[in-house]
Amino acid sequence: MQAVMSTDEMMAFLTEVFPQVRDDFEVEEMDGVNTVVRLKVAERHLRPGGTVSGPAMFSLADVTAYVATMARIGKEALTVTTNCSLDFMRKPEAGKDLIARARLLKLGRTLSVTDILIYSEGGQEPVARASMTYAIPPGQA
């Protein structure tokens, strides 16, 4: 399946509906199945010890699953998270952005399911893994 909008259109949509996070994320790739989103790590994302906080990693997983879903159904701001499972596997590298690589596993009429692996930029091993389910408003998928 193909994405129904470009990465630039997606970034403009995210800026419109979630202006509070527009400076945090960058959609790097999306093809309708696979999605890559960057968390531009800043001091506000860090916890004591200089590593990226769990809430920041959750936000990255959540935004990535949202983008993966929007890439297929189009602009539907009221699509919402209904379930999340997040495993923190290793400490992210200090001073590096985080990269989420996602695969849309299922897109139904009312739900989408996305699997996400999060990496420190340039890293080979994931620092976290998430499974996210989104509820899609009726008539959107």
C-alpha atoms as a PDB file:
ATOM      1  CA  MET A   1       0.000   0.000   0.000  1.00  0.00           C
ATOM      2  CA  GLN A   2       1.091   3.546  -0.691  1.00  0.00           C
ATOM      3  CA  ALA A   3       1.134   6.522   1.649  1.00  0.00           C
ATOM      4  CA  VAL A   4      -1.700   8.963   0.940  1.00  0.00           C
ATOM      5  CA  MET A   5       0.462  12.013   1.686  1.00  0.00           C
ATOM      6  CA  SER A   6       4.112  13.053   1.516  1.00  0.00           C
ATOM      7  CA  THR A   7       6.420  13.468   4.517  1.00  0.00           C
ATOM      8  CA  ASP A   8       6.186  17.262   4.076  1.00  0.00           C
ATOM      9  CA  GLU A   9       2.380  17.086   4.125  1.00  0.00           C
ATOM     10  CA  MET A  10       2.535  14.892   7.235  1.00  0.00           C
ATOM     11  CA  MET A  11       4.848  17.346   9.023  1.00  0.00           C
ATOM     12  CA  ALA A  12       2.491  20.209   8.142  1.00  0.00           C
ATOM     13  CA  PHE A  13      -0.452  18.179   9.489  1.00  0.00           C
ATOM     14  CA  LEU A  14       1.382  17.373  12.742  1.00  0.00           C
ATOM     15  CA  THR A  15       2.278  21.047  13.158  1.00  0.00           C
ATOM     16  CA  GLU A  16      -1.376  21.973  12.667  1.00  0.00           C
ATOM     17  CA  VAL A  17      -2.907  19.433  15.086  1.00  0.00           C
ATOM     18  CA  PHE A  18      -0.052  19.092  17.616  1.00  0.00           C
ATOM     19  CA  PRO A  19       1.864  22.403  17.582  1.00  0.00           C
ATOM     20  CA  GLN A  20       3.229  21.651  21.067  1.00  0.00           C
ATOM     21  CA  VAL A  21       5.549  18.964  19.642  1.00  0.00           C
ATOM     22  CA  ARG A  22       6.387  20.402  16.227  1.00  0.00           C
ATOM     23  CA  ASP A  23      10.030  21.009  17.171  1.00  0.00           C
ATOM     24  CA  ASP A  24      10.512  17.545  18.692  1.00  0.00           C
ATOM     25  CA  PHE A  25       9.852  15.177  15.781  1.00  0.00           C
ATOM     26  CA  GLU A  26      10.769  14.803  12.132  1.00  0.00           C
ATOM     27  CA  VAL A  27       9.069  12.339   9.803  1.00  0.00           C
ATOM     28  CA  GLU A  28      11.936  10.974   7.720  1.00  0.00           C
ATOM     29  CA  GLU A  29      10.230   8.204   5.762  1.00  0.00           C
ATOM     30  CA  MET A  30       6.781   6.720   5.263  1.00  0.00           C
ATOM     31  CA  ASP A  31       5.544   4.487   2.499  1.00  0.00           C
ATOM     32  CA  GLY A  32       2.199   3.287   3.835  1.00  0.00           C
ATOM     33  CA  VAL A  33       3.712   0.302   5.675  1.00  0.00           C
ATOM     34  CA  ASN A  34       7.107   1.382   7.008  1.00  0.00           C
ATOM     35  CA  THR A  35       7.652   4.656   8.849  1.00  0.00           C
ATOM     36  CA  VAL A  36      10.776   6.340  10.252  1.00  0.00           C
ATOM     37  CA  VAL A  37      10.475   9.214  12.744  1.00  0.00           C
ATOM     38  CA  ARG A  38      13.268  11.067  14.552  1.00  0.00           C
ATOM     39  CA  LEU A  39      13.070  12.481  18.066  1.00  0.00           C
ATOM     40  CA  LYS A  40      15.339  15.526  18.076  1.00  0.00           C
ATOM     41  CA  VAL A  41      16.661  14.984  21.586  1.00  0.00           C
ATOM     42  CA  ALA A  42      16.965  18.155  23.667  1.00  0.00           C
ATOM     43  CA  GLU A  43      17.670  18.785  27.337  1.00  0.00           C
ATOM     44  CA  ARG A  44      13.936  18.645  28.133  1.00  0.00           C
ATOM     45  CA  HIS A  45      13.904  14.969  27.026  1.00  0.00           C
ATOM     46  CA  LEU A  46      16.605  13.883  29.468  1.00  0.00           C
ATOM     47  CA  ARG A  47      16.365  12.316  32.887  1.00  0.00           C
ATOM     48  CA  PRO A  48      19.006  12.417  35.628  1.00  0.00           C
ATOM     49  CA  GLY A  49      22.144  10.709  34.376  1.00  0.00           C
ATOM     50  CA  GLY A  50      21.822  12.240  30.911  1.00  0.00           C
ATOM     51  CA  THR A  51      19.777   9.519  29.215  1.00  0.00           C
ATOM     52  CA  VAL A  52      16.526   9.997  27.322  1.00  0.00           C
ATOM     53  CA  SER A  53      13.500   9.635  29.600  1.00  0.00           C
ATOM     54  CA  GLY A  54      10.878   6.927  29.290  1.00  0.00           C
ATOM     55  CA  PRO A  55       8.100   9.462  28.623  1.00  0.00           C
ATOM     56  CA  ALA A  56      10.113  10.897  25.716  1.00  0.00           C
ATOM     57  CA  MET A  57      10.554   7.404  24.244  1.00  0.00           C
ATOM     58  CA  PHE A  58       6.827   6.736  24.710  1.00  0.00           C
ATOM     59  CA  SER A  59       6.059   9.976  22.860  1.00  0.00           C
ATOM     60  CA  LEU A  60       8.300   8.922  19.984  1.00  0.00           C
ATOM     61  CA  ALA A  61       6.590   5.517  19.731  1.00  0.00           C
ATOM     62  CA  ASP A  62       3.144   7.112  19.957  1.00  0.00           C
ATOM     63  CA  VAL A  63       3.809   9.775  17.311  1.00  0.00           C
ATOM     64  CA  THR A  64       5.377   7.161  15.020  1.00  0.00           C
ATOM     65  CA  ALA A  65       2.332   4.864  15.241  1.00  0.00           C
ATOM     66  CA  TYR A  66       0.059   7.868  14.641  1.00  0.00           C
ATOM     67  CA  VAL A  67       2.070   8.830  11.546  1.00  0.00           C
ATOM     68  CA  ALA A  68       2.035   5.228  10.271  1.00  0.00           C
ATOM     69  CA  THR A  69      -1.752   5.170  10.592  1.00  0.00           C
ATOM     70  CA  MET A  70      -2.274   8.635   9.054  1.00  0.00           C
ATOM     71  CA  ALA A  71      -0.014   7.653   6.153  1.00  0.00           C
ATOM     72  CA  ARG A  72      -2.678   5.126   5.141  1.00  0.00           C
ATOM     73  CA  ILE A  73      -6.000   6.695   6.154  1.00  0.00           C
ATOM     74  CA  GLY A  74      -5.213  10.377   5.615  1.00  0.00           C
ATOM     75  CA  LYS A  75      -5.682  13.317   7.934  1.00  0.00           C
ATOM     76  CA  GLU A  76      -7.876  12.179  10.827  1.00  0.00           C
ATOM     77  CA  ALA A  77      -6.863  14.051  13.968  1.00  0.00           C
ATOM     78  CA  LEU A  78      -9.299  12.135  16.198  1.00  0.00           C
ATOM     79  CA  THR A  79      -7.559   8.784  15.736  1.00  0.00           C
ATOM     80  CA  VAL A  80      -6.411   7.916  19.265  1.00  0.00           C
ATOM     81  CA  THR A  81      -4.145   5.487  21.121  1.00  0.00           C
ATOM     82  CA  THR A  82      -6.077   2.631  22.710  1.00  0.00           C
ATOM     83  CA  ASN A  83      -3.237   0.343  23.772  1.00  0.00           C
ATOM     84  CA  CYS A  84       0.522   0.455  24.235  1.00  0.00           C
ATOM     85  CA  SER A  85       3.118  -2.065  25.273  1.00  0.00           C
ATOM     86  CA  LEU A  86       6.613  -0.616  25.656  1.00  0.00           C
ATOM     87  CA  ASP A  87       9.798  -2.497  26.542  1.00  0.00           C
ATOM     88  CA  PHE A  88      12.889  -0.516  27.508  1.00  0.00           C
ATOM     89  CA  MET A  89      15.829  -2.735  26.509  1.00  0.00           C
ATOM     90  CA  ARG A  90      18.991  -0.682  26.935  1.00  0.00           C
ATOM     91  CA  LYS A  91      20.114   2.821  27.785  1.00  0.00           C
ATOM     92  CA  PRO A  92      20.043   5.228  24.817  1.00  0.00           C
ATOM     93  CA  GLU A  93      23.381   6.774  23.897  1.00  0.00           C
ATOM     94  CA  ALA A  94      23.854  10.218  25.440  1.00  0.00           C
ATOM     95  CA  GLY A  95      23.727  13.164  23.064  1.00  0.00           C
ATOM     96  CA  LYS A  96      22.154  11.271  20.162  1.00  0.00           C
ATOM     97  CA  ASP A  97      18.735  11.603  18.572  1.00  0.00           C
ATOM     98  CA  LEU A  98      16.402   8.619  18.716  1.00  0.00           C
ATOM     99  CA  ILE A  99      15.133   6.990  15.550  1.00  0.00           C
ATOM    100  CA  ALA A 100      11.887   5.002  15.504  1.00  0.00           C
ATOM    101  CA  ARG A 101      11.450   2.417  12.763  1.00  0.00           C
ATOM    102  CA  ALA A 102       7.879   1.208  12.527  1.00  0.00           C
ATOM    103  CA  ARG A 103       5.859  -1.284  10.550  1.00  0.00           C
ATOM    104  CA  LEU A 104       2.097  -1.043  10.265  1.00  0.00           C
ATOM    105  CA  LEU A 105       1.025  -4.630  10.968  1.00  0.00           C
ATOM    106  CA  LYS A 106      -2.738  -4.291  10.585  1.00  0.00           C
ATOM    107  CA  LEU A 107      -5.113  -1.665   9.342  1.00  0.00           C
ATOM    108  CA  GLY A 108      -8.776  -2.465   9.845  1.00  0.00           C
ATOM    109  CA  ARG A 109     -11.930  -0.371   9.783  1.00  0.00           C
ATOM    110  CA  THR A 110     -11.670   0.602  13.449  1.00  0.00           C
ATOM    111  CA  LEU A 111      -8.130  -0.282  14.607  1.00  0.00           C
ATOM    112  CA  SER A 112      -4.533  -0.086  13.450  1.00  0.00           C
ATOM    113  CA  VAL A 113      -1.661  -2.024  15.007  1.00  0.00           C
ATOM    114  CA  THR A 114       1.949  -0.857  14.671  1.00  0.00           C
ATOM    115  CA  ASP A 115       5.231  -2.397  15.834  1.00  0.00           C
ATOM    116  CA  ILE A 116       8.038   0.075  16.582  1.00  0.00           C
ATOM    117  CA  LEU A 117      11.758  -0.354  17.291  1.00  0.00           C
ATOM    118  CA  ILE A 118      13.593   2.656  18.709  1.00  0.00           C
ATOM    119  CA  TYR A 119      17.344   3.133  18.168  1.00  0.00           C
ATOM    120  CA  SER A 120      19.953   5.652  19.223  1.00  0.00           C
ATOM    121  CA  GLU A 121      21.047   7.391  16.038  1.00  0.00           C
ATOM    122  CA  GLY A 122      23.689   5.219  14.370  1.00  0.00           C
ATOM    123  CA  GLY A 123      23.103   2.340  16.800  1.00  0.00           C
ATOM    124  CA  GLN A 124      22.605  -1.243  15.655  1.00  0.00           C
ATOM    125  CA  GLU A 125      20.657  -2.550  18.668  1.00  0.00           C
ATOM    126  CA  PRO A 126      17.218  -1.200  19.619  1.00  0.00           C
ATOM    127  CA  VAL A 127      16.913   0.685  22.908  1.00  0.00           C
ATOM    128  CA  ALA A 128      13.147   0.092  23.118  1.00  0.00           C
ATOM    129  CA  ARG A 129      10.342  -1.803  21.433  1.00  0.00           C
ATOM    130  CA  ALA A 130       6.688  -0.802  21.350  1.00  0.00           C
ATOM    131  CA  SER A 131       3.425  -2.172  20.093  1.00  0.00           C
ATOM    132  CA  MET A 132       0.737   0.484  19.633  1.00  0.00           C
ATOM    133  CA  THR A 133      -2.948   0.140  18.790  1.00  0.00           C
ATOM    134  CA  TYR A 134      -4.971   3.090  17.528  1.00  0.00           C
ATOM    135  CA  ALA A 135      -8.752   3.478  17.318  1.00  0.00           C
ATOM    136  CA  ILE A 136      -9.894   4.945  14.017  1.00  0.00           C
ATOM    137  CA  PRO A 137     -13.119   6.997  13.932  1.00  0.00           C
ATOM    138  CA  PRO A 138     -15.909   5.287  11.953  1.00  0.00           C
ATOM    139  CA  GLY A 139     -15.729   5.711   8.193  1.00  0.00           C
ATOM    140  CA  GLN A 140     -12.009   6.638   8.030  1.00  0.00           C
ATOM    141  CA  ALA A 141     -10.189   3.398   7.135  1.00  0.00           C
END
